[in-house]
N, C-alpha and C. Protein backbone atom coordinates (compact mmCIF):
# COMPACT_ATOMS: atom_id res chain seq x y z
N MET A 1 1.00 -1.06 -0.35
CA MET A 1 -0.12 -0.26 0.12
C MET A 1 0.92 1.31 0.41
N ALA A 2 1.97 1.20 1.38
CA ALA A 2 3.10 2.63 0.53
C ALA A 2 3.43 2.93 -0.61
N ALA A 3 3.60 1.78 -1.08
CA ALA A 3 4.24 1.46 -2.56
C ALA A 3 3.75 2.16 -3.16
N LEU A 4 2.11 2.19 -3.44
CA LEU A 4 1.39 2.84 -4.76
C LEU A 4 1.26 4.90 -3.87
N VAL A 5 1.55 4.92 -2.51
CA VAL A 5 1.13 5.87 -2.65
C VAL A 5 2.88 7.16 -3.02
N LEU A 6 3.26 6.32 -2.34
CA LEU A 6 4.79 7.20 -2.54
C LEU A 6 6.11 6.49 -4.30
N PHE A 7 5.08 5.70 -4.74
CA PHE A 7 5.07 5.92 -6.17
C PHE A 7 4.32 4.75 -6.89
N PRO A 8 3.09 6.41 -7.54
CA PRO A 8 1.93 5.44 -8.18
C PRO A 8 2.31 5.82 -9.73
N ALA A 9 1.33 4.77 -9.99
CA ALA A 9 2.01 4.20 -11.18
C ALA A 9 1.44 5.03 -12.60
N PRO A 10 2.32 5.21 -13.36
CA PRO A 10 2.63 6.14 -14.38
C PRO A 10 1.43 6.26 -15.02
N LEU A 11 1.11 6.74 -15.93
CA LEU A 11 -0.03 7.32 -16.85
C LEU A 11 -0.25 6.19 -17.81
N LEU A 12 -1.13 5.54 -18.05
CA LEU A 12 -1.84 4.95 -18.91
C LEU A 12 -1.11 6.09 -20.52
N PRO A 13 -0.63 5.37 -21.37
CA PRO A 13 -0.42 6.25 -22.80
C PRO A 13 -2.13 6.59 -23.00
N ASN A 14 -3.39 6.54 -22.51
CA ASN A 14 -4.52 7.56 -23.00
C ASN A 14 -5.14 7.89 -21.77
N GLU A 15 -3.65 8.30 -20.84
CA GLU A 15 -4.45 8.65 -19.79
C GLU A 15 -4.12 10.49 -19.78
N ARG A 16 -4.80 11.43 -18.94
CA ARG A 16 -4.41 12.27 -19.13
C ARG A 16 -4.03 13.06 -17.27
N GLN A 17 -2.58 13.66 -17.09
CA GLN A 17 -3.22 14.58 -15.18
C GLN A 17 -3.13 15.14 -15.78
N VAL A 18 -4.58 15.87 -14.60
CA VAL A 18 -5.65 16.92 -14.28
C VAL A 18 -4.29 17.81 -14.01
N ARG A 19 -4.34 19.06 -14.56
CA ARG A 19 -3.70 20.06 -14.20
C ARG A 19 -4.53 20.96 -13.57
N ARG A 20 -3.98 21.98 -12.91
CA ARG A 20 -4.47 22.51 -11.50
C ARG A 20 -5.18 23.99 -12.41
N VAL A 21 -5.99 24.26 -12.11
CA VAL A 21 -6.89 25.53 -12.59
C VAL A 21 -7.09 26.30 -11.53
N LEU A 22 -7.44 25.81 -10.29
CA LEU A 22 -7.48 27.32 -9.51
C LEU A 22 -7.25 27.85 -9.63
N GLY A 23 -8.01 29.28 -9.36
CA GLY A 23 -7.75 30.73 -9.25
C GLY A 23 -7.21 31.52 -10.78
N LEU A 24 -7.80 30.59 -11.59
CA LEU A 24 -7.30 31.52 -13.37
C LEU A 24 -8.94 31.52 -13.18
N GLU A 25 -8.36 32.45 -14.15
CA GLU A 25 -9.80 32.80 -14.97
C GLU A 25 -10.53 32.04 -16.04
N VAL A 26 -11.82 31.69 -16.00
CA VAL A 26 -12.43 30.83 -17.29
C VAL A 26 -11.91 30.33 -18.25
N GLU A 27 -11.74 31.28 -19.11
CA GLU A 27 -10.58 30.90 -20.17
C GLU A 27 -9.10 30.95 -20.40
N ALA A 28 -8.56 31.01 -19.29
CA ALA A 28 -7.18 30.41 -18.93
C ALA A 28 -7.69 29.28 -18.88
N ALA A 29 -8.51 28.66 -17.80
CA ALA A 29 -8.21 27.65 -17.37
C ALA A 29 -9.05 26.48 -18.84
N ARG A 30 -10.05 27.34 -19.36
CA ARG A 30 -10.56 26.37 -20.59
C ARG A 30 -8.81 26.04 -21.73
N ARG A 31 -7.91 26.46 -21.86
CA ARG A 31 -7.00 26.26 -22.94
C ARG A 31 -5.87 26.06 -22.01
N GLU A 32 -5.63 25.40 -20.40
CA GLU A 32 -4.67 24.53 -19.86
C GLU A 32 -4.76 23.30 -19.90
N LEU A 33 -6.27 23.27 -19.52
CA LEU A 33 -6.63 21.74 -19.69
C LEU A 33 -7.01 21.43 -21.35
N GLU A 34 -7.42 22.56 -22.40
CA GLU A 34 -7.50 21.58 -23.54
C GLU A 34 -5.87 21.56 -24.18
N ALA A 35 -4.21 22.43 -23.21
CA ALA A 35 -3.41 21.61 -23.75
C ALA A 35 -2.72 20.18 -23.18
N ALA A 36 -3.92 19.66 -22.06
CA ALA A 36 -3.63 19.03 -21.49
C ALA A 36 -4.23 17.86 -22.07
N GLY A 37 -4.76 17.08 -23.08
CA GLY A 37 -5.91 17.26 -23.49
C GLY A 37 -7.14 16.65 -23.39
N LEU A 38 -7.60 17.79 -22.51
CA LEU A 38 -8.49 17.39 -21.71
C LEU A 38 -10.28 18.29 -21.80
N ALA A 39 -11.08 17.88 -21.25
CA ALA A 39 -12.11 19.40 -22.05
C ALA A 39 -12.83 19.86 -20.57
N ALA A 40 -12.98 21.87 -20.71
CA ALA A 40 -13.36 21.91 -19.41
C ALA A 40 -14.78 22.35 -19.46
N GLU A 41 -15.80 22.17 -18.35
CA GLU A 41 -17.06 22.51 -18.51
C GLU A 41 -17.40 22.58 -17.18
N ILE A 42 -17.84 23.84 -17.34
CA ILE A 42 -18.57 24.66 -16.43
C ILE A 42 -19.67 24.30 -15.89
N VAL A 43 -20.00 23.55 -14.63
CA VAL A 43 -20.80 23.41 -14.08
C VAL A 43 -21.64 23.85 -12.84
N ALA A 44 -20.95 25.26 -12.50
CA ALA A 44 -22.17 26.07 -11.25
C ALA A 44 -21.10 27.43 -11.40
N SER A 45 -22.18 28.18 -10.76
CA SER A 45 -21.42 29.75 -10.73
C SER A 45 -21.84 29.88 -9.03
N GLU A 46 -21.12 30.75 -8.58
CA GLU A 46 -21.29 30.54 -6.88
C GLU A 46 -20.29 31.72 -6.89
N PRO A 47 -21.29 32.54 -5.56
CA PRO A 47 -20.85 33.76 -5.18
C PRO A 47 -19.11 33.04 -4.27
N HIS A 48 -18.14 33.94 -4.18
CA HIS A 48 -17.11 33.55 -3.48
C HIS A 48 -16.25 35.11 -3.35
N PRO A 49 -16.09 35.59 -1.35
CA PRO A 49 -15.97 36.07 -1.13
C PRO A 49 -14.41 36.83 -1.06
N THR A 50 -13.54 35.92 -1.84
CA THR A 50 -11.91 36.77 -2.42
C THR A 50 -12.35 36.77 -3.88
N ALA A 51 -12.37 35.33 -4.87
CA ALA A 51 -12.53 35.37 -5.98
C ALA A 51 -12.78 36.01 -6.51
N PRO A 52 -12.10 36.76 -7.98
CA PRO A 52 -13.58 37.69 -8.79
C PRO A 52 -14.20 37.44 -9.33
N ALA A 53 -15.10 38.08 -10.25
CA ALA A 53 -15.94 37.62 -11.11
C ALA A 53 -15.39 36.92 -11.95
N GLY A 54 -16.11 34.92 -13.02
CA GLY A 54 -15.16 34.94 -13.79
C GLY A 54 -13.63 33.84 -13.42
N THR A 55 -13.69 33.60 -12.00
CA THR A 55 -12.02 32.90 -11.79
C THR A 55 -12.85 31.74 -11.03
N VAL A 56 -11.82 30.69 -12.00
CA VAL A 56 -12.21 29.05 -11.06
C VAL A 56 -11.90 28.98 -9.40
N VAL A 57 -13.05 28.41 -8.95
CA VAL A 57 -13.02 28.49 -7.35
C VAL A 57 -13.04 26.32 -6.91
N TRP A 58 -13.34 25.59 -8.16
CA TRP A 58 -13.54 24.25 -7.78
C TRP A 58 -13.40 23.31 -8.74
N GLN A 59 -12.82 22.50 -9.18
CA GLN A 59 -13.00 21.69 -9.70
C GLN A 59 -12.61 20.68 -9.44
N ASP A 60 -13.69 19.28 -10.33
CA ASP A 60 -13.32 18.00 -10.56
C ASP A 60 -13.20 17.18 -11.46
N PRO A 61 -12.87 16.98 -11.78
CA PRO A 61 -11.29 16.23 -10.39
C PRO A 61 -10.19 16.73 -9.92
N PRO A 62 -9.84 16.70 -9.09
CA PRO A 62 -8.91 17.60 -8.46
C PRO A 62 -7.58 17.43 -9.10
N SER A 63 -6.88 18.73 -9.39
CA SER A 63 -5.24 18.56 -10.79
C SER A 63 -4.33 17.10 -9.33
N GLY A 64 -3.54 16.62 -10.30
CA GLY A 64 -2.80 15.62 -9.62
C GLY A 64 -3.91 14.48 -10.37
N VAL A 65 -4.51 14.22 -10.88
CA VAL A 65 -5.42 12.51 -11.34
C VAL A 65 -5.41 12.58 -12.39
N GLY A 66 -4.96 11.11 -13.01
CA GLY A 66 -5.19 10.53 -14.03
C GLY A 66 -6.87 10.42 -15.14
N VAL A 67 -6.71 11.17 -15.78
CA VAL A 67 -7.71 10.24 -16.38
C VAL A 67 -8.12 10.77 -18.04
N PRO A 68 -9.25 9.74 -18.78
CA PRO A 68 -8.86 9.46 -19.96
C PRO A 68 -8.82 10.79 -20.33
N SER A 69 -7.87 10.64 -21.83
CA SER A 69 -7.98 11.72 -22.16
C SER A 69 -9.61 11.94 -23.25
N GLY A 70 -9.58 13.51 -23.72
CA GLY A 70 -10.46 14.26 -23.64
C GLY A 70 -11.66 13.92 -22.48
N ALA A 71 -11.46 13.49 -21.54
CA ALA A 71 -11.93 14.11 -20.24
C ALA A 71 -12.13 15.08 -19.76
N ALA A 72 -14.01 15.04 -19.41
CA ALA A 72 -14.51 16.80 -18.60
C ALA A 72 -13.94 16.63 -17.52
N VAL A 73 -13.23 18.29 -17.11
CA VAL A 73 -13.10 18.18 -15.82
C VAL A 73 -14.45 19.88 -15.15
N ALA A 74 -14.94 19.47 -14.29
CA ALA A 74 -16.14 20.72 -13.69
C ALA A 74 -15.85 21.44 -13.28
N LEU A 75 -16.23 22.37 -13.72
CA LEU A 75 -15.02 23.61 -13.40
C LEU A 75 -16.48 24.82 -12.04
N THR A 76 -16.66 25.00 -10.86
CA THR A 76 -17.26 26.02 -10.71
C THR A 76 -16.34 27.38 -10.37
N VAL A 77 -17.42 28.67 -11.92
CA VAL A 77 -16.81 29.27 -11.70
C VAL A 77 -17.31 30.79 -10.73
N SER A 78 -16.86 31.78 -10.16
CA SER A 78 -17.28 32.97 -8.54
C SER A 78 -17.69 33.51 -9.45
N THR A 79 -19.12 34.20 -9.25
CA THR A 79 -19.63 35.39 -9.24
C THR A 79 -18.90 36.76 -9.18
N GLY A 80 -18.03 36.58 -7.94
CA GLY A 80 -17.86 37.80 -7.15
C GLY A 80 -18.09 37.62 -5.88
N PRO A 81 -18.29 38.64 -4.91
CA PRO A 81 -17.88 38.53 -3.42
C PRO A 81 -20.26 39.46 -3.64
N PRO A 82 -20.46 38.20 -2.69
CA PRO A 82 -21.78 38.29 -2.16
C PRO A 82 -22.15 39.77 -2.48
N ARG A 83 -23.45 39.77 -2.93
CA ARG A 83 -24.23 40.45 -2.62
C ARG A 83 -25.34 41.12 -1.42
N ILE A 84 -25.62 41.50 -1.26
CA ILE A 84 -26.31 42.25 0.49
C ILE A 84 -27.01 43.57 0.08
N ALA A 85 -28.81 43.53 -0.03
CA ALA A 85 -29.43 44.41 0.37
C ALA A 85 -29.25 45.52 1.41
N VAL A 86 -28.75 47.02 0.88
CA VAL A 86 -28.35 47.71 2.12
C VAL A 86 -29.82 47.59 3.08
N PRO A 87 -30.22 48.03 4.43
CA PRO A 87 -30.86 47.39 5.10
C PRO A 87 -31.88 48.80 4.83
N ASP A 88 -33.07 49.45 5.60
CA ASP A 88 -33.29 50.35 6.18
C ASP A 88 -33.10 50.46 7.46
N VAL A 89 -32.77 51.85 7.58
CA VAL A 89 -32.35 52.79 8.73
C VAL A 89 -33.19 53.75 9.33
N PHE A 90 -34.50 54.21 8.26
CA PHE A 90 -35.19 55.27 8.97
C PHE A 90 -35.96 55.65 10.14
N GLY A 91 -35.25 56.62 10.55
CA GLY A 91 -36.35 56.60 11.59
C GLY A 91 -35.50 55.97 12.83
N LEU A 92 -34.24 55.34 12.57
CA LEU A 92 -33.44 54.75 13.85
C LEU A 92 -32.31 56.01 14.59
N ASP A 93 -31.62 55.49 16.20
CA ASP A 93 -30.76 56.49 15.98
C ASP A 93 -30.02 55.91 14.83
N LEU A 94 -28.55 56.88 15.66
CA LEU A 94 -27.06 56.89 14.92
C LEU A 94 -26.98 54.55 15.92
N GLU A 95 -26.81 54.52 17.00
CA GLU A 95 -26.23 53.76 17.34
C GLU A 95 -26.99 52.60 16.62
N LEU A 96 -28.53 51.80 16.99
CA LEU A 96 -28.61 51.21 16.52
C LEU A 96 -28.72 51.13 14.96
N ALA A 97 -28.19 51.80 14.35
CA ALA A 97 -28.38 51.58 12.38
C ALA A 97 -27.18 51.70 12.21
N SER A 98 -26.25 52.12 13.12
CA SER A 98 -24.93 50.96 12.75
C SER A 98 -24.96 49.44 13.63
N LEU A 99 -25.63 49.31 14.07
CA LEU A 99 -25.86 48.13 15.00
C LEU A 99 -26.07 47.42 13.61
N LEU A 100 -27.73 48.43 12.54
CA LEU A 100 -27.76 47.13 12.05
C LEU A 100 -27.56 46.66 10.58
N VAL A 101 -26.80 48.20 10.10
CA VAL A 101 -25.73 48.05 9.05
C VAL A 101 -24.69 47.34 9.00
N ALA A 102 -24.28 47.00 10.17
CA ALA A 102 -23.02 45.99 10.78
C ALA A 102 -23.53 44.33 10.24
N ALA A 103 -24.87 44.09 11.46
CA ALA A 103 -25.14 42.55 11.27
C ALA A 103 -25.94 42.49 9.73
N ALA A 104 -25.70 43.56 9.13
CA ALA A 104 -26.10 42.74 7.67
C ALA A 104 -24.79 42.70 6.77
N GLY A 105 -23.47 42.90 7.40
CA GLY A 105 -22.49 42.55 6.90
C GLY A 105 -21.64 43.69 6.00
N LEU A 106 -22.02 45.04 6.90
CA LEU A 106 -21.49 46.02 5.75
C LEU A 106 -20.77 47.16 6.54
N ARG A 107 -20.81 48.61 6.81
CA ARG A 107 -20.12 49.40 7.03
C ARG A 107 -20.20 50.37 7.02
N VAL A 108 -20.08 51.25 8.02
CA VAL A 108 -20.74 52.87 8.21
C VAL A 108 -19.55 53.76 7.87
N ALA A 109 -19.33 54.56 6.80
CA ALA A 109 -18.17 55.12 6.36
C ALA A 109 -18.25 56.48 6.70
N ALA A 110 -19.75 57.08 7.36
CA ALA A 110 -19.68 58.67 7.59
C ALA A 110 -21.10 58.82 7.61
N VAL A 111 -20.99 59.68 8.03
CA VAL A 111 -22.06 59.81 8.95
C VAL A 111 -22.44 62.15 8.70
N ASP A 112 -23.07 61.82 8.25
CA ASP A 112 -23.66 63.04 7.78
C ASP A 112 -25.20 63.79 7.84
N SER A 113 -25.52 65.52 8.18
CA SER A 113 -27.17 65.30 8.24
C SER A 113 -27.40 66.26 6.98
N VAL A 114 -28.42 66.21 7.24
CA VAL A 114 -29.82 66.82 6.57
C VAL A 114 -30.36 67.74 7.24
N GLU A 115 -31.07 68.65 6.56
CA GLU A 115 -32.50 69.32 7.30
C GLU A 115 -33.63 68.01 6.67
N THR A 116 -34.69 68.40 7.50
CA THR A 116 -35.04 67.94 7.65
C THR A 116 -36.75 68.49 8.63
N LYS A 117 -38.06 68.76 8.07
CA LYS A 117 -39.08 68.73 9.33
C LYS A 117 -39.58 67.96 9.68
N THR A 118 -39.92 66.81 9.05
CA THR A 118 -40.17 65.75 9.34
C THR A 118 -40.28 64.27 10.43
N VAL A 119 -38.81 64.73 10.44
CA VAL A 119 -38.20 63.43 11.43
C VAL A 119 -37.36 64.50 12.53
N ALA A 120 -37.28 64.21 14.02
CA ALA A 120 -35.97 64.45 15.28
C ALA A 120 -34.73 64.64 14.36
N ALA A 121 -34.11 66.05 15.04
CA ALA A 121 -33.09 65.72 15.03
C ALA A 121 -32.20 64.39 15.27
N GLY A 122 -31.73 63.71 15.09
CA GLY A 122 -30.53 63.08 14.95
C GLY A 122 -31.26 60.97 15.25
N ILE A 123 -32.03 61.56 14.52
CA ILE A 123 -32.96 60.24 13.91
C ILE A 123 -31.84 59.41 12.25
N ALA A 124 -31.98 58.77 12.35
CA ALA A 124 -31.59 58.56 9.99
C ALA A 124 -33.08 58.19 9.69
N VAL A 125 -32.50 59.40 8.65
CA VAL A 125 -33.50 59.80 7.36
C VAL A 125 -32.87 58.84 6.05
N GLY A 126 -32.16 57.63 6.02
CA GLY A 126 -32.15 57.38 4.95
C GLY A 126 -30.57 57.40 4.48
N SER A 127 -30.34 56.61 4.02
CA SER A 127 -28.41 56.20 3.43
C SER A 127 -27.86 56.35 2.16
N ASP A 128 -26.57 56.07 2.08
CA ASP A 128 -26.25 55.88 0.79
C ASP A 128 -25.52 55.29 0.88
N PRO A 129 -25.21 54.14 -0.40
CA PRO A 129 -26.39 53.51 -1.12
C PRO A 129 -27.35 53.65 -0.58
N ALA A 130 -28.71 53.73 -1.43
CA ALA A 130 -29.85 53.47 -0.20
C ALA A 130 -30.87 52.03 0.01
N ALA A 131 -31.76 52.55 0.50
CA ALA A 131 -32.26 51.08 1.31
C ALA A 131 -32.40 50.24 0.53
N ARG A 132 -32.44 48.70 0.64
CA ARG A 132 -32.89 47.69 -0.09
C ARG A 132 -31.70 47.92 -1.68
N ASP A 133 -30.82 48.93 -1.91
CA ASP A 133 -29.86 48.52 -2.90
C ASP A 133 -28.92 47.57 -2.55
N SER A 134 -28.30 46.57 -4.00
CA SER A 134 -27.60 45.22 -3.97
C SER A 134 -26.54 45.86 -4.29
N VAL A 135 -25.56 45.74 -2.69
CA VAL A 135 -24.36 45.88 -3.06
C VAL A 135 -22.60 44.25 -2.02
N PRO A 136 -22.21 44.85 -3.24
CA PRO A 136 -20.98 43.57 -2.28
C PRO A 136 -21.19 43.18 -0.87
N LEU A 137 -20.96 42.37 -0.11
CA LEU A 137 -20.81 42.23 1.01
C LEU A 137 -19.13 43.62 1.48
N GLY A 138 -19.54 43.59 3.04
CA GLY A 138 -18.94 44.09 3.00
C GLY A 138 -17.99 45.73 2.72
N ARG A 139 -19.78 45.95 1.75
CA ARG A 139 -19.63 47.72 1.62
C ARG A 139 -19.40 48.53 2.52
N SER A 140 -18.70 49.92 2.30
CA SER A 140 -19.67 51.10 3.53
C SER A 140 -20.30 51.80 2.61
N LEU A 141 -20.75 52.66 3.46
CA LEU A 141 -21.88 53.00 3.15
C LEU A 141 -21.66 54.66 3.24
N VAL A 142 -22.87 55.78 3.76
CA VAL A 142 -23.24 57.06 4.49
C VAL A 142 -25.01 56.52 5.06
N ILE A 143 -24.75 57.22 6.03
CA ILE A 143 -25.74 57.08 7.37
C ILE A 143 -25.95 58.80 7.22
N HIS A 144 -27.37 59.48 7.01
CA HIS A 144 -28.00 60.45 6.74
C HIS A 144 -28.55 60.85 7.89
N LEU A 145 -28.57 61.47 8.56
CA LEU A 145 -29.45 61.81 10.15
C LEU A 145 -29.62 63.53 9.91
N ALA A 146 -30.88 63.14 10.47
CA ALA A 146 -32.08 65.08 10.87
C ALA A 146 -30.93 65.62 11.32
N ARG A 147 -31.27 66.91 11.38
CA ARG A 147 -30.62 67.79 11.94
C ARG A 147 -31.65 68.52 12.72
């Protein structure tokens, strides 16, 4: 058994070793696999916290595995960082609005004040980007407080 791990059997003439394409853009991954005599098949796309959109984040079979020539390697491609809806902070004081923004996975970059006659001073009247806008997770926003 140890001999198989330490000295794996050589590839058969009709086999190809799967190359590592994780982290490559889709077209670069496709070229890399085709150069090895394999095919690329995009089977899924999903958000990824650090990988830019269009980057391969998963491959099956993994690199180093021997497969028949022409076999397809299944690829999962990143759609970029996850997106989140901006929470509605209208009517909240700054502390509660900041907690709500943080709980949503966003950050408060700044606070400004706007003139209004309908909301008490120190209460949030909105944000930039606005409530329910879709933004990347971790993005910062501005909270507008009534003065």
